[in-house]
Amino acid sequence: MNDWGSMTRKFLLGERHDTPSVRSYIQSLTETLQAFSPKTHTERRRVEIALEHVREIKRHTRKIEEKVLMLEEKLRVLEEGKK
């Protein structure tokens, strides 16, 4: 059962400290890099490389999340088999 009063109080007082997900960090980093307005060719290339690295990080993160889901499912099956 939900305690709406407690939840509201925590929200209003800023006591809720949910840590951002990895996807949130990646999105924030991408938006920050895209907001840059490089003035030289070197700066432009550095931002392009950084954005490419972020895309690779995003791809690897997706693969890791898929593996975690698969392993969690295997664990669930093994635990059910024990019972």
N, C-alpha and C. Protein backbone atom coordinates (compact mmCIF):
# COMPACT_ATOMS: atom_id res chain seq x y z
N MET A 1 0.85 -1.17 0.00
CA MET A 1 0.00 0.00 0.00
C MET A 1 0.90 1.24 0.00
N ASN A 2 0.47 2.26 -0.73
CA ASN A 2 1.25 3.49 -0.84
C ASN A 2 0.92 4.46 0.28
N ASP A 3 1.94 5.10 0.81
CA ASP A 3 1.77 6.14 1.80
C ASP A 3 1.95 7.47 1.06
N TRP A 4 0.84 7.99 0.55
CA TRP A 4 0.89 9.18 -0.30
C TRP A 4 1.42 10.40 0.45
N GLY A 5 1.09 10.52 1.72
CA GLY A 5 1.57 11.65 2.51
C GLY A 5 3.09 11.65 2.62
N SER A 6 3.65 10.47 2.90
CA SER A 6 5.10 10.34 3.02
C SER A 6 5.79 10.60 1.68
N MET A 7 5.20 10.03 0.62
CA MET A 7 5.79 10.24 -0.71
C MET A 7 5.75 11.71 -1.10
N THR A 8 4.64 12.39 -0.82
CA THR A 8 4.51 13.82 -1.14
C THR A 8 5.50 14.64 -0.35
N ARG A 9 5.64 14.34 0.94
CA ARG A 9 6.57 15.06 1.80
C ARG A 9 8.00 14.92 1.29
N LYS A 10 8.38 13.67 0.94
CA LYS A 10 9.73 13.43 0.44
C LYS A 10 9.97 14.17 -0.88
N PHE A 11 8.96 14.19 -1.74
CA PHE A 11 9.09 14.88 -3.01
C PHE A 11 9.26 16.38 -2.79
N LEU A 12 8.42 16.95 -1.95
CA LEU A 12 8.47 18.39 -1.71
C LEU A 12 9.76 18.82 -1.01
N LEU A 13 10.26 17.97 -0.14
CA LEU A 13 11.48 18.29 0.59
C LEU A 13 12.74 17.88 -0.16
N GLY A 14 12.56 17.25 -1.30
CA GLY A 14 13.71 16.84 -2.10
C GLY A 14 14.49 15.69 -1.50
N GLU A 15 13.82 14.87 -0.71
CA GLU A 15 14.50 13.76 -0.04
C GLU A 15 14.59 12.52 -0.90
N ARG A 16 13.96 12.54 -2.02
CA ARG A 16 14.00 11.37 -2.90
C ARG A 16 15.28 11.45 -3.72
N HIS A 17 16.13 10.46 -3.55
CA HIS A 17 17.43 10.48 -4.21
C HIS A 17 17.59 9.27 -5.13
N ASP A 18 16.80 9.25 -6.18
CA ASP A 18 16.97 8.19 -7.17
C ASP A 18 18.19 8.54 -8.02
N THR A 19 19.10 7.61 -8.13
CA THR A 19 20.27 7.88 -8.94
C THR A 19 19.89 7.76 -10.41
N PRO A 20 20.41 8.66 -11.25
CA PRO A 20 20.10 8.60 -12.68
C PRO A 20 20.62 7.32 -13.30
N SER A 21 19.96 6.88 -14.33
CA SER A 21 20.39 5.67 -15.02
C SER A 21 21.58 5.99 -15.94
N VAL A 22 22.23 4.95 -16.40
CA VAL A 22 23.35 5.12 -17.31
C VAL A 22 22.86 5.79 -18.59
N ARG A 23 21.66 5.43 -19.03
CA ARG A 23 21.10 6.04 -20.24
C ARG A 23 20.92 7.55 -20.06
N SER A 24 20.54 7.96 -18.86
CA SER A 24 20.38 9.39 -18.58
C SER A 24 21.71 10.12 -18.69
N TYR A 25 22.75 9.51 -18.13
CA TYR A 25 24.08 10.11 -18.23
C TYR A 25 24.53 10.22 -19.68
N ILE A 26 24.29 9.16 -20.45
CA ILE A 26 24.69 9.16 -21.87
C ILE A 26 23.93 10.24 -22.63
N GLN A 27 22.63 10.34 -22.38
CA GLN A 27 21.82 11.35 -23.06
C GLN A 27 22.30 12.75 -22.70
N SER A 28 22.58 12.98 -21.44
CA SER A 28 23.05 14.29 -20.99
C SER A 28 24.39 14.64 -21.63
N LEU A 29 25.28 13.67 -21.69
CA LEU A 29 26.58 13.90 -22.31
C LEU A 29 26.44 14.21 -23.79
N THR A 30 25.58 13.47 -24.47
CA THR A 30 25.34 13.71 -25.90
C THR A 30 24.80 15.11 -26.13
N GLU A 31 23.81 15.50 -25.34
CA GLU A 31 23.22 16.83 -25.49
C GLU A 31 24.25 17.93 -25.22
N THR A 32 25.10 17.72 -24.24
CA THR A 32 26.13 18.70 -23.93
C THR A 32 27.12 18.85 -25.09
N LEU A 33 27.55 17.72 -25.63
CA LEU A 33 28.49 17.76 -26.76
C LEU A 33 27.86 18.40 -27.99
N GLN A 34 26.59 18.12 -28.23
CA GLN A 34 25.91 18.70 -29.38
C GLN A 34 25.69 20.20 -29.23
N ALA A 35 25.65 20.67 -27.99
CA ALA A 35 25.44 22.09 -27.74
C ALA A 35 26.71 22.92 -27.98
N PHE A 36 27.86 22.26 -28.03
CA PHE A 36 29.10 22.99 -28.28
C PHE A 36 29.08 23.59 -29.68
N SER A 37 29.68 24.75 -29.80
CA SER A 37 29.85 25.35 -31.13
C SER A 37 31.34 25.57 -31.35
N PRO A 38 32.00 24.52 -31.86
CA PRO A 38 33.45 24.60 -32.05
C PRO A 38 33.81 25.68 -33.07
N LYS A 39 34.91 26.36 -32.80
CA LYS A 39 35.32 27.48 -33.65
C LYS A 39 36.42 27.10 -34.63
N THR A 40 37.13 26.04 -34.33
CA THR A 40 38.20 25.62 -35.22
C THR A 40 37.92 24.21 -35.73
N HIS A 41 38.63 23.86 -36.78
CA HIS A 41 38.49 22.52 -37.35
C HIS A 41 38.90 21.46 -36.32
N THR A 42 39.94 21.74 -35.56
CA THR A 42 40.42 20.80 -34.54
C THR A 42 39.35 20.58 -33.47
N GLU A 43 38.76 21.67 -33.00
CA GLU A 43 37.71 21.55 -31.99
C GLU A 43 36.52 20.78 -32.54
N ARG A 44 36.14 21.05 -33.78
CA ARG A 44 35.01 20.36 -34.41
C ARG A 44 35.29 18.85 -34.48
N ARG A 45 36.52 18.50 -34.85
CA ARG A 45 36.89 17.09 -34.95
C ARG A 45 36.87 16.42 -33.58
N ARG A 46 37.32 17.13 -32.56
CA ARG A 46 37.31 16.57 -31.20
C ARG A 46 35.90 16.29 -30.73
N VAL A 47 34.98 17.20 -31.03
CA VAL A 47 33.57 16.99 -30.64
C VAL A 47 33.00 15.81 -31.42
N GLU A 48 33.32 15.70 -32.70
CA GLU A 48 32.85 14.57 -33.51
C GLU A 48 33.35 13.24 -32.94
N ILE A 49 34.62 13.21 -32.56
CA ILE A 49 35.21 11.99 -31.98
C ILE A 49 34.53 11.67 -30.65
N ALA A 50 34.31 12.69 -29.83
CA ALA A 50 33.65 12.47 -28.54
C ALA A 50 32.24 11.92 -28.74
N LEU A 51 31.50 12.46 -29.72
CA LEU A 51 30.16 11.96 -30.00
C LEU A 51 30.20 10.52 -30.51
N GLU A 52 31.21 10.21 -31.29
CA GLU A 52 31.38 8.83 -31.76
C GLU A 52 31.64 7.90 -30.58
N HIS A 53 32.46 8.34 -29.65
CA HIS A 53 32.74 7.54 -28.45
C HIS A 53 31.48 7.33 -27.63
N VAL A 54 30.66 8.36 -27.52
CA VAL A 54 29.41 8.23 -26.77
C VAL A 54 28.49 7.22 -27.45
N ARG A 55 28.44 7.22 -28.79
CA ARG A 55 27.62 6.24 -29.50
C ARG A 55 28.13 4.82 -29.21
N GLU A 56 29.45 4.64 -29.18
CA GLU A 56 30.01 3.32 -28.86
C GLU A 56 29.66 2.91 -27.43
N ILE A 57 29.76 3.86 -26.51
CA ILE A 57 29.40 3.58 -25.11
C ILE A 57 27.93 3.17 -25.03
N LYS A 58 27.07 3.86 -25.78
CA LYS A 58 25.65 3.54 -25.80
C LYS A 58 25.42 2.13 -26.34
N ARG A 59 26.12 1.77 -27.38
CA ARG A 59 25.99 0.44 -27.97
C ARG A 59 26.44 -0.64 -26.99
N HIS A 60 27.59 -0.42 -26.35
CA HIS A 60 28.10 -1.39 -25.38
C HIS A 60 27.16 -1.50 -24.17
N THR A 61 26.62 -0.38 -23.74
CA THR A 61 25.69 -0.38 -22.61
C THR A 61 24.46 -1.21 -22.94
N ARG A 62 23.94 -1.04 -24.16
CA ARG A 62 22.77 -1.81 -24.58
C ARG A 62 23.08 -3.30 -24.55
N LYS A 63 24.27 -3.69 -25.02
CA LYS A 63 24.65 -5.11 -25.01
C LYS A 63 24.75 -5.63 -23.59
N ILE A 64 25.35 -4.85 -22.72
CA ILE A 64 25.49 -5.26 -21.31
C ILE A 64 24.11 -5.42 -20.67
N GLU A 65 23.20 -4.48 -20.94
CA GLU A 65 21.85 -4.58 -20.38
C GLU A 65 21.15 -5.84 -20.87
N GLU A 66 21.33 -6.17 -22.14
CA GLU A 66 20.73 -7.40 -22.69
C GLU A 66 21.29 -8.63 -22.00
N LYS A 67 22.61 -8.65 -21.75
CA LYS A 67 23.24 -9.78 -21.07
C LYS A 67 22.73 -9.91 -19.64
N VAL A 68 22.59 -8.78 -18.97
CA VAL A 68 22.08 -8.80 -17.59
C VAL A 68 20.67 -9.37 -17.56
N LEU A 69 19.81 -8.94 -18.48
CA LEU A 69 18.45 -9.47 -18.53
C LEU A 69 18.46 -10.98 -18.77
N MET A 70 19.32 -11.43 -19.68
CA MET A 70 19.41 -12.85 -19.98
C MET A 70 19.88 -13.63 -18.75
N LEU A 71 20.89 -13.11 -18.06
CA LEU A 71 21.41 -13.79 -16.88
C LEU A 71 20.39 -13.79 -15.74
N GLU A 72 19.63 -12.70 -15.60
CA GLU A 72 18.58 -12.67 -14.59
C GLU A 72 17.53 -13.72 -14.88
N GLU A 73 17.18 -13.89 -16.15
CA GLU A 73 16.20 -14.90 -16.52
C GLU A 73 16.73 -16.30 -16.23
N LYS A 74 18.01 -16.55 -16.55
CA LYS A 74 18.61 -17.85 -16.26
C LYS A 74 18.63 -18.12 -14.76
N LEU A 75 18.94 -17.10 -13.98
CA LEU A 75 18.96 -17.25 -12.53
C LEU A 75 17.56 -17.57 -12.01
N ARG A 76 16.56 -16.89 -12.54
CA ARG A 76 15.18 -17.14 -12.14
C ARG A 76 14.80 -18.59 -12.44
N VAL A 77 15.19 -19.09 -13.61
CA VAL A 77 14.88 -20.47 -13.98
C VAL A 77 15.59 -21.44 -13.04
N LEU A 78 16.86 -21.17 -12.73
CA LEU A 78 17.61 -22.03 -11.82
C LEU A 78 16.99 -22.03 -10.43
N GLU A 79 16.57 -20.87 -9.95
CA GLU A 79 15.95 -20.80 -8.63
C GLU A 79 14.62 -21.55 -8.60
N GLU A 80 13.87 -21.46 -9.69
CA GLU A 80 12.62 -22.20 -9.77
C GLU A 80 12.87 -23.71 -9.79
N GLY A 81 13.95 -24.12 -10.42
CA GLY A 81 14.31 -25.53 -10.49
C GLY A 81 14.72 -26.08 -9.14
N LYS A 82 15.24 -25.26 -8.27
CA LYS A 82 15.66 -25.69 -6.93
C LYS A 82 14.46 -26.00 -6.05
N LYS A 83 13.36 -25.29 -6.27
CA LYS A 83 12.19 -25.43 -5.39
C LYS A 83 11.45 -26.69 -5.60
